[in-house]
Protein backbone atom coordinates (compact mmCIF):
# COMPACT_ATOMS: atom_id res chain seq x y z
CA MET A 1 11.29 -4.67 -24.18
CA GLY A 2 15.07 -4.93 -24.42
CA VAL A 3 15.08 -8.20 -22.49
CA ALA A 4 12.52 -9.68 -24.89
CA TYR A 5 14.69 -8.74 -27.87
CA LEU A 6 17.78 -10.22 -26.20
CA LEU A 7 15.88 -13.45 -25.63
CA TRP A 8 14.75 -13.37 -29.27
CA CYS A 9 18.44 -13.22 -30.25
CA ALA A 10 18.91 -16.68 -28.71
CA SER A 11 17.06 -17.96 -31.77
CA LEU A 12 20.16 -17.16 -33.79
CA MET A 13 21.85 -19.96 -31.84
CA GLY A 14 18.91 -22.36 -32.31
CA ILE A 15 17.04 -21.71 -29.06
CA CYS A 16 13.71 -20.31 -30.19
CA GLY A 17 10.72 -19.07 -28.22
CA LEU A 18 12.41 -17.66 -25.12
CA GLN A 19 10.75 -14.30 -25.76
CA ARG A 20 7.36 -16.05 -25.60
CA PHE A 21 8.17 -17.48 -22.16
CA TYR A 22 9.21 -13.98 -21.04
CA VAL A 23 5.91 -12.37 -22.07
CA GLY A 24 3.85 -15.01 -20.24
CA GLN A 25 3.06 -17.36 -23.13
CA PRO A 26 4.70 -20.62 -22.04
CA MET A 27 2.71 -22.87 -24.39
CA ALA A 28 3.66 -20.79 -27.43
CA GLY A 29 7.25 -20.70 -26.15
CA LEU A 30 7.32 -24.48 -25.90
CA LEU A 31 5.85 -24.80 -29.40
CA TYR A 32 8.48 -22.38 -30.78
CA LEU A 33 11.20 -24.34 -28.98
CA ILE A 34 10.10 -27.66 -30.50
CA THR A 35 9.49 -26.35 -34.04
CA LEU A 36 12.47 -23.96 -34.11
CA GLY A 37 10.11 -21.01 -34.16
CA PHE A 38 7.95 -22.54 -36.90
CA CYS A 39 11.08 -22.93 -39.04
CA GLY A 40 12.08 -19.32 -38.36
CA VAL A 41 8.91 -17.73 -39.76
CA GLY A 42 7.33 -17.27 -36.33
CA GLN A 43 10.58 -15.94 -34.95
CA PHE A 44 10.76 -13.35 -37.74
CA ILE A 45 7.14 -12.28 -37.15
CA ASP A 46 7.87 -11.93 -33.42
CA LEU A 47 10.41 -9.22 -34.23
CA PHE A 48 7.45 -7.00 -35.00
CA LEU A 49 5.10 -8.41 -32.34
CA ILE A 50 7.44 -8.12 -29.34
CA PRO A 51 6.51 -4.50 -28.45
CA SER A 52 2.79 -5.27 -28.28
CA MET A 53 3.37 -8.57 -26.44
CA VAL A 54 5.52 -6.84 -23.81
CA GLU A 55 3.01 -4.00 -23.44
CA GLN A 56 0.16 -6.48 -23.01
CA ARG A 57 2.11 -8.43 -20.38
CA ASN A 58 3.05 -5.26 -18.49
CA THR A 59 -0.59 -4.14 -18.47
CA TYR A 60 -1.63 -7.52 -17.09
CA LEU A 61 1.04 -7.41 -14.37
CA GLN A 62 0.11 -3.83 -13.40
CA GLY A 63 -3.50 -4.91 -13.06
CA ARG A 64 -2.53 -7.78 -10.79
CA TYR A 65 -0.37 -5.45 -8.70
CA LEU A 66 -3.20 -2.93 -8.34
CA MET A 67 -5.62 -5.71 -7.37
CA THR A 68 -3.16 -6.83 -4.68
CA LEU A 69 -2.95 -3.27 -3.35
CA GLN A 70 -6.74 -2.95 -3.29
CA ILE A 71 -7.14 -6.25 -1.48
CA SER A 72 -4.49 -5.37 1.12
CA HIS A 73 -6.04 -1.91 1.60
CA LEU A 74 -9.50 -3.42 2.05
CA SER A 75 -8.29 -6.05 4.50
CA ALA A 76 -6.47 -3.38 6.55
CA ARG A 77 -9.65 -1.29 6.64
CA GLU A 78 -11.75 -4.31 7.65
CA GLU A 79 -9.26 -5.15 10.40
CA THR A 80 -9.50 -1.62 11.76
CA GLU A 81 -13.29 -1.79 11.73
CA LEU A 82 -13.39 -5.22 13.37
CA ASN A 83 -10.63 -4.52 15.87
CA PRO A 84 -11.06 -1.08 17.41
CA THR A 85 -7.87 -1.47 19.47
CA SER A 86 -5.89 -1.17 16.24
CA THR A 87 -6.62 2.58 16.12
CA THR A 88 -3.76 5.02 16.41
CA PRO A 89 -2.99 6.72 19.73
CA MET A 90 -4.21 10.03 18.29
CA GLN A 91 -7.51 8.45 17.28
CA ARG A 92 -7.92 7.03 20.78
CA LEU A 93 -7.23 10.47 22.26
CA LEU A 94 -9.73 12.18 19.98
CA GLN A 95 -12.35 9.53 20.71
CA ALA A 96 -11.86 10.00 24.46
CA ALA A 97 -12.18 13.78 24.05
CA LYS A 98 -15.36 13.36 22.03
CA GLU A 99 -16.90 11.05 24.62
CA HIS A 100 -16.08 13.46 27.48
CA GLY A 101 -17.26 16.80 26.19
CA GLY A 102 -14.11 17.86 24.35
CA VAL A 103 -12.20 19.00 27.46
CA LEU A 104 -9.62 16.78 29.18
CA SER A 105 -6.78 17.07 31.66
CA GLU A 106 -3.57 15.06 31.36
CA ALA A 107 -4.77 12.70 34.08
CA GLN A 108 -8.07 12.15 32.30
CA VAL A 109 -6.25 11.41 29.02
CA SER A 110 -4.16 8.82 30.82
CA LEU A 111 -7.23 7.31 32.45
CA TYR A 112 -9.34 7.13 29.28
CA THR A 113 -6.61 5.99 26.87
CA GLY A 114 -4.46 3.82 29.12
CA PHE A 115 -1.24 5.62 28.12
CA ASP A 116 1.55 6.40 30.56
CA ALA A 117 2.42 9.98 31.53
CA LYS A 118 5.22 10.37 28.97
CA GLN A 119 3.02 9.12 26.11
CA VAL A 120 0.21 11.42 27.25
CA LYS A 121 2.47 14.49 27.22
CA GLU A 122 3.83 13.63 23.77
CA LEU A 123 0.36 12.93 22.42
CA LEU A 124 -1.11 16.14 23.79
CA PHE A 125 1.82 18.14 22.44
CA GLU A 126 1.25 16.59 19.01
CA ALA A 127 -2.50 17.27 19.18
CA GLU A 128 -1.77 20.90 20.03
CA ARG A 129 0.81 21.17 17.23
CA LEU A 130 -1.69 19.77 14.71
CA GLY A 131 -4.38 22.18 15.86
CA TYR A 132 -6.64 19.46 17.26
CA ALA A 133 -6.50 20.94 20.76
CA TYR A 134 -5.47 24.07 22.60
CA VAL A 135 -4.34 24.55 26.18
CA PHE A 136 -6.19 26.71 28.69
CA ASN A 137 -6.50 27.04 32.45
CA ASP A 138 -9.74 26.02 34.11
CA PRO A 139 -11.29 29.29 35.35
CA GLU A 140 -12.41 27.77 38.67
CA THR A 141 -9.42 25.62 39.63
CA GLY A 142 -6.62 27.03 37.49
CA ALA A 143 -5.73 23.49 36.36
CA VAL A 144 -4.35 22.93 32.87
CA ARG A 145 -6.96 21.61 30.45
CA TYR A 146 -7.00 20.72 26.78
CA ARG A 147 -9.98 21.69 24.66
CA PHE A 148 -10.45 19.54 21.55
CA ASP A 149 -12.29 20.47 18.38
CA VAL A 150 -14.43 17.33 18.18
């Protein structure tokens, strides 16, 4: 609002209507500029109208910003649905666990997800930390396995 009032002050030097340009009313601003703010009467009235004009403009701009966020969020969601390879590594791990009975070894994780050994270890550690999986030894072979809650 302060900027609009500073622009209004330019009318004291004969440049009227700048506050109208600022609040998104270029035609009114041009008219004020040509008519010297309707001989000063319009400029005087704007002293009282500036708060509502600025509030209206801010509401409009917030709405446009929110629409942009919604559109970008929707397009990101559509891209994920259309392109399954854009899933996160954790999602790929959980999907592999779900498809294979919820129990995997490190080698199986590497095979099903395509990650290298270092990525597999980090991913399994993170899954365990988050409580998605827990480590146990296979009772028959003694091999390390990860049981997932999927």
